[in-house]
Amino acid sequence: MAKAYLQITLNMDKKGQESAADVYNKYKAPFLNTIKGALSKELLVRDEGVQVLHGFETAGDAQEYLLSALFNKDIVEALKPWLRNGPDIRIYSVV
């Protein structure tokens, strides 16, 4: 069971949502297989954009992921053309 969650909310139009789904599907397995403490990853879609909810063993693992090459060089770069503004990034601990 996850002890921490990383929530990333991205505001984008319908075309961006489709692209975000492609990026999500491409990088879900590498995330789960290579990122320390990664337990789950879910893509939530809404009219205003998407939200990606990541489950981790610890909040520290979530913070480390945000510094990883997978996140910054692969995922962020792939999503940049579709973002209306910067993402809303939050880390939550389960109590």
N, C-alpha and C. Protein backbone atom coordinates (compact mmCIF):
# COMPACT_ATOMS: atom_id res chain seq x y z
N MET A 1 0.83 -1.18 0.00
CA MET A 1 0.00 0.00 0.00
C MET A 1 0.89 1.25 0.00
N ALA A 2 0.48 2.23 -0.78
CA ALA A 2 1.25 3.47 -0.89
C ALA A 2 1.23 4.24 0.43
N LYS A 3 2.38 4.79 0.76
CA LYS A 3 2.52 5.63 1.95
C LYS A 3 2.60 7.10 1.58
N ALA A 4 2.73 7.37 0.26
CA ALA A 4 2.80 8.75 -0.22
C ALA A 4 2.26 8.80 -1.65
N TYR A 5 1.72 9.95 -2.00
CA TYR A 5 1.21 10.16 -3.35
C TYR A 5 1.78 11.44 -3.92
N LEU A 6 2.11 11.38 -5.19
CA LEU A 6 2.51 12.55 -5.96
C LEU A 6 1.37 12.83 -6.92
N GLN A 7 0.81 14.02 -6.83
CA GLN A 7 -0.30 14.43 -7.68
C GLN A 7 0.19 15.53 -8.61
N ILE A 8 0.06 15.31 -9.90
CA ILE A 8 0.45 16.31 -10.89
C ILE A 8 -0.77 16.63 -11.73
N THR A 9 -1.20 17.90 -11.68
CA THR A 9 -2.37 18.35 -12.44
C THR A 9 -1.89 19.20 -13.61
N LEU A 10 -2.37 18.86 -14.80
CA LEU A 10 -1.97 19.55 -16.02
C LEU A 10 -3.21 20.10 -16.71
N ASN A 11 -3.23 21.41 -16.97
CA ASN A 11 -4.33 22.03 -17.69
C ASN A 11 -4.02 22.00 -19.18
N MET A 12 -4.91 21.35 -19.95
CA MET A 12 -4.70 21.23 -21.39
C MET A 12 -6.02 20.95 -22.09
N ASP A 13 -6.05 21.24 -23.39
CA ASP A 13 -7.25 21.00 -24.17
C ASP A 13 -7.38 19.52 -24.53
N LYS A 14 -8.43 19.18 -25.28
CA LYS A 14 -8.73 17.79 -25.62
C LYS A 14 -7.57 17.13 -26.37
N LYS A 15 -6.98 17.83 -27.33
CA LYS A 15 -5.85 17.28 -28.09
C LYS A 15 -4.67 17.00 -27.14
N GLY A 16 -4.44 17.91 -26.22
CA GLY A 16 -3.39 17.70 -25.23
C GLY A 16 -3.66 16.50 -24.35
N GLN A 17 -4.92 16.29 -24.02
CA GLN A 17 -5.28 15.14 -23.19
C GLN A 17 -4.95 13.83 -23.91
N GLU A 18 -5.22 13.80 -25.21
CA GLU A 18 -4.89 12.61 -26.00
C GLU A 18 -3.38 12.37 -26.01
N SER A 19 -2.63 13.44 -26.17
CA SER A 19 -1.17 13.32 -26.15
C SER A 19 -0.67 12.91 -24.76
N ALA A 20 -1.29 13.45 -23.72
CA ALA A 20 -0.92 13.08 -22.36
C ALA A 20 -1.17 11.59 -22.12
N ALA A 21 -2.25 11.07 -22.67
CA ALA A 21 -2.55 9.64 -22.54
C ALA A 21 -1.48 8.81 -23.23
N ASP A 22 -1.01 9.27 -24.39
CA ASP A 22 0.07 8.56 -25.09
C ASP A 22 1.35 8.56 -24.26
N VAL A 23 1.70 9.71 -23.69
CA VAL A 23 2.90 9.83 -22.85
C VAL A 23 2.75 8.94 -21.62
N TYR A 24 1.58 8.98 -21.01
CA TYR A 24 1.31 8.14 -19.83
C TYR A 24 1.55 6.66 -20.16
N ASN A 25 0.95 6.21 -21.25
CA ASN A 25 1.07 4.80 -21.62
C ASN A 25 2.52 4.42 -21.97
N LYS A 26 3.25 5.32 -22.60
CA LYS A 26 4.64 5.05 -22.97
C LYS A 26 5.55 4.92 -21.75
N TYR A 27 5.32 5.76 -20.73
CA TYR A 27 6.25 5.82 -19.61
C TYR A 27 5.76 5.16 -18.32
N LYS A 28 4.58 4.58 -18.32
CA LYS A 28 4.08 3.94 -17.09
C LYS A 28 4.98 2.77 -16.67
N ALA A 29 5.27 1.87 -17.58
CA ALA A 29 6.11 0.71 -17.23
C ALA A 29 7.52 1.14 -16.81
N PRO A 30 8.19 2.03 -17.55
CA PRO A 30 9.51 2.47 -17.07
C PRO A 30 9.45 3.12 -15.68
N PHE A 31 8.40 3.86 -15.41
CA PHE A 31 8.22 4.46 -14.09
C PHE A 31 8.14 3.36 -13.03
N LEU A 32 7.26 2.40 -13.22
CA LEU A 32 7.06 1.35 -12.23
C LEU A 32 8.28 0.43 -12.09
N ASN A 33 9.02 0.25 -13.17
CA ASN A 33 10.14 -0.70 -13.16
C ASN A 33 11.48 -0.09 -12.76
N THR A 34 11.62 1.23 -12.85
CA THR A 34 12.95 1.81 -12.61
C THR A 34 13.01 2.87 -11.51
N ILE A 35 11.88 3.42 -11.10
CA ILE A 35 11.90 4.49 -10.11
C ILE A 35 11.79 3.89 -8.70
N LYS A 36 12.73 4.26 -7.85
CA LYS A 36 12.76 3.76 -6.47
C LYS A 36 11.46 4.09 -5.74
N GLY A 37 10.85 3.06 -5.16
CA GLY A 37 9.65 3.25 -4.35
C GLY A 37 8.35 3.40 -5.12
N ALA A 38 8.41 3.35 -6.45
CA ALA A 38 7.19 3.52 -7.25
C ALA A 38 6.27 2.30 -7.10
N LEU A 39 4.99 2.56 -6.79
CA LEU A 39 4.03 1.49 -6.59
C LEU A 39 2.86 1.51 -7.56
N SER A 40 2.47 2.71 -7.99
CA SER A 40 1.31 2.81 -8.88
C SER A 40 1.36 4.12 -9.66
N LYS A 41 0.59 4.17 -10.74
CA LYS A 41 0.48 5.39 -11.53
C LYS A 41 -0.86 5.33 -12.25
N GLU A 42 -1.69 6.36 -12.05
CA GLU A 42 -3.03 6.42 -12.65
C GLU A 42 -3.22 7.75 -13.37
N LEU A 43 -3.87 7.71 -14.52
CA LEU A 43 -4.19 8.92 -15.28
C LEU A 43 -5.67 9.21 -15.12
N LEU A 44 -5.98 10.39 -14.59
CA LEU A 44 -7.36 10.82 -14.40
C LEU A 44 -7.64 11.95 -15.38
N VAL A 45 -8.74 11.86 -16.12
CA VAL A 45 -9.07 12.85 -17.15
C VAL A 45 -10.30 13.63 -16.73
N ARG A 46 -10.24 14.94 -16.96
CA ARG A 46 -11.38 15.82 -16.68
C ARG A 46 -11.45 16.85 -17.80
N ASP A 47 -12.51 17.64 -17.85
CA ASP A 47 -12.69 18.60 -18.93
C ASP A 47 -11.53 19.59 -19.05
N GLU A 48 -10.97 20.01 -17.92
CA GLU A 48 -9.93 21.04 -17.91
C GLU A 48 -8.54 20.49 -18.18
N GLY A 49 -8.37 19.18 -18.16
CA GLY A 49 -7.05 18.61 -18.36
C GLY A 49 -6.95 17.23 -17.76
N VAL A 50 -5.77 16.91 -17.27
CA VAL A 50 -5.53 15.59 -16.70
C VAL A 50 -4.83 15.72 -15.36
N GLN A 51 -4.92 14.64 -14.61
CA GLN A 51 -4.21 14.56 -13.35
C GLN A 51 -3.55 13.18 -13.32
N VAL A 52 -2.28 13.16 -12.93
CA VAL A 52 -1.57 11.89 -12.80
C VAL A 52 -1.30 11.68 -11.32
N LEU A 53 -1.77 10.54 -10.81
CA LEU A 53 -1.61 10.21 -9.41
C LEU A 53 -0.63 9.04 -9.30
N HIS A 54 0.51 9.30 -8.65
CA HIS A 54 1.58 8.32 -8.49
C HIS A 54 1.62 7.85 -7.04
N GLY A 55 1.69 6.56 -6.82
CA GLY A 55 1.84 6.01 -5.48
C GLY A 55 3.28 5.63 -5.21
N PHE A 56 3.78 5.97 -4.02
CA PHE A 56 5.16 5.70 -3.64
C PHE A 56 5.22 5.08 -2.25
N GLU A 57 6.35 4.44 -1.97
CA GLU A 57 6.59 3.91 -0.63
C GLU A 57 6.81 5.03 0.38
N THR A 58 7.48 6.12 -0.04
CA THR A 58 7.73 7.25 0.87
C THR A 58 7.61 8.57 0.12
N ALA A 59 7.40 9.65 0.86
CA ALA A 59 7.36 10.99 0.26
C ALA A 59 8.74 11.34 -0.31
N GLY A 60 9.80 10.85 0.31
CA GLY A 60 11.15 11.07 -0.21
C GLY A 60 11.34 10.45 -1.59
N ASP A 61 10.75 9.27 -1.80
CA ASP A 61 10.82 8.64 -3.11
C ASP A 61 10.11 9.50 -4.16
N ALA A 62 8.99 10.08 -3.79
CA ALA A 62 8.25 10.95 -4.70
C ALA A 62 9.09 12.17 -5.06
N GLN A 63 9.73 12.76 -4.07
CA GLN A 63 10.58 13.93 -4.30
C GLN A 63 11.76 13.58 -5.21
N GLU A 64 12.36 12.43 -5.00
CA GLU A 64 13.47 11.99 -5.85
C GLU A 64 13.02 11.80 -7.29
N TYR A 65 11.83 11.27 -7.49
CA TYR A 65 11.30 11.08 -8.85
C TYR A 65 11.23 12.41 -9.59
N LEU A 66 10.83 13.47 -8.89
CA LEU A 66 10.73 14.78 -9.53
C LEU A 66 12.08 15.29 -10.02
N LEU A 67 13.17 14.75 -9.50
CA LEU A 67 14.52 15.14 -9.91
C LEU A 67 15.11 14.19 -10.95
N SER A 68 14.39 13.13 -11.28
CA SER A 68 14.92 12.08 -12.16
C SER A 68 14.94 12.51 -13.63
N ALA A 69 15.81 11.87 -14.39
CA ALA A 69 15.87 12.10 -15.84
C ALA A 69 14.59 11.63 -16.51
N LEU A 70 14.01 10.54 -16.06
CA LEU A 70 12.76 10.06 -16.65
C LEU A 70 11.69 11.14 -16.58
N PHE A 71 11.56 11.77 -15.42
CA PHE A 71 10.56 12.81 -15.27
C PHE A 71 10.92 14.06 -16.07
N ASN A 72 12.12 14.58 -15.88
CA ASN A 72 12.49 15.87 -16.46
C ASN A 72 12.84 15.84 -17.94
N LYS A 73 13.56 14.84 -18.38
CA LYS A 73 14.00 14.80 -19.77
C LYS A 73 13.02 14.09 -20.69
N ASP A 74 12.31 13.11 -20.18
CA ASP A 74 11.40 12.36 -21.04
C ASP A 74 9.96 12.87 -20.93
N ILE A 75 9.39 12.78 -19.75
CA ILE A 75 7.97 13.07 -19.58
C ILE A 75 7.68 14.57 -19.72
N VAL A 76 8.39 15.41 -18.99
CA VAL A 76 8.13 16.85 -19.05
C VAL A 76 8.33 17.38 -20.47
N GLU A 77 9.40 16.98 -21.11
CA GLU A 77 9.66 17.45 -22.48
C GLU A 77 8.57 17.01 -23.45
N ALA A 78 8.07 15.80 -23.29
CA ALA A 78 7.01 15.30 -24.18
C ALA A 78 5.70 16.05 -23.98
N LEU A 79 5.45 16.54 -22.77
CA LEU A 79 4.18 17.21 -22.48
C LEU A 79 4.21 18.72 -22.71
N LYS A 80 5.37 19.32 -22.76
CA LYS A 80 5.50 20.78 -22.86
C LYS A 80 4.63 21.42 -23.93
N PRO A 81 4.56 20.88 -25.14
CA PRO A 81 3.76 21.55 -26.18
C PRO A 81 2.27 21.65 -25.86
N TRP A 82 1.79 20.84 -24.94
CA TRP A 82 0.36 20.76 -24.68
C TRP A 82 -0.09 21.52 -23.43
N LEU A 83 0.83 22.00 -22.63
CA LEU A 83 0.47 22.65 -21.37
C LEU A 83 0.00 24.09 -21.59
N ARG A 84 -1.09 24.44 -20.95
CA ARG A 84 -1.58 25.82 -20.97
C ARG A 84 -0.80 26.70 -20.01
N ASN A 85 -0.36 26.09 -18.91
CA ASN A 85 0.45 26.77 -17.90
C ASN A 85 1.23 25.70 -17.14
N GLY A 86 1.99 26.12 -16.15
CA GLY A 86 2.80 25.17 -15.40
C GLY A 86 1.94 24.16 -14.65
N PRO A 87 2.48 22.99 -14.39
CA PRO A 87 1.73 21.98 -13.65
C PRO A 87 1.60 22.33 -12.18
N ASP A 88 0.57 21.80 -11.57
CA ASP A 88 0.38 21.90 -10.12
C ASP A 88 0.88 20.58 -9.54
N ILE A 89 1.97 20.62 -8.80
CA ILE A 89 2.61 19.41 -8.27
C ILE A 89 2.50 19.41 -6.75
N ARG A 90 1.96 18.30 -6.21
CA ARG A 90 1.81 18.17 -4.75
C ARG A 90 2.19 16.77 -4.31
N ILE A 91 2.81 16.69 -3.15
CA ILE A 91 3.16 15.41 -2.54
C ILE A 91 2.37 15.29 -1.24
N TYR A 92 1.71 14.15 -1.07
CA TYR A 92 0.92 13.87 0.13
C TYR A 92 1.46 12.63 0.82
N SER A 93 1.48 12.65 2.13
CA SER A 93 1.82 11.48 2.93
C SER A 93 0.55 10.86 3.48
N VAL A 94 0.50 9.56 3.53
CA VAL A 94 -0.65 8.86 4.10
C VAL A 94 -0.43 8.74 5.60
N VAL A 95 -1.45 9.12 6.39
CA VAL A 95 -1.33 9.05 7.85
C VAL A 95 -2.29 8.01 8.41
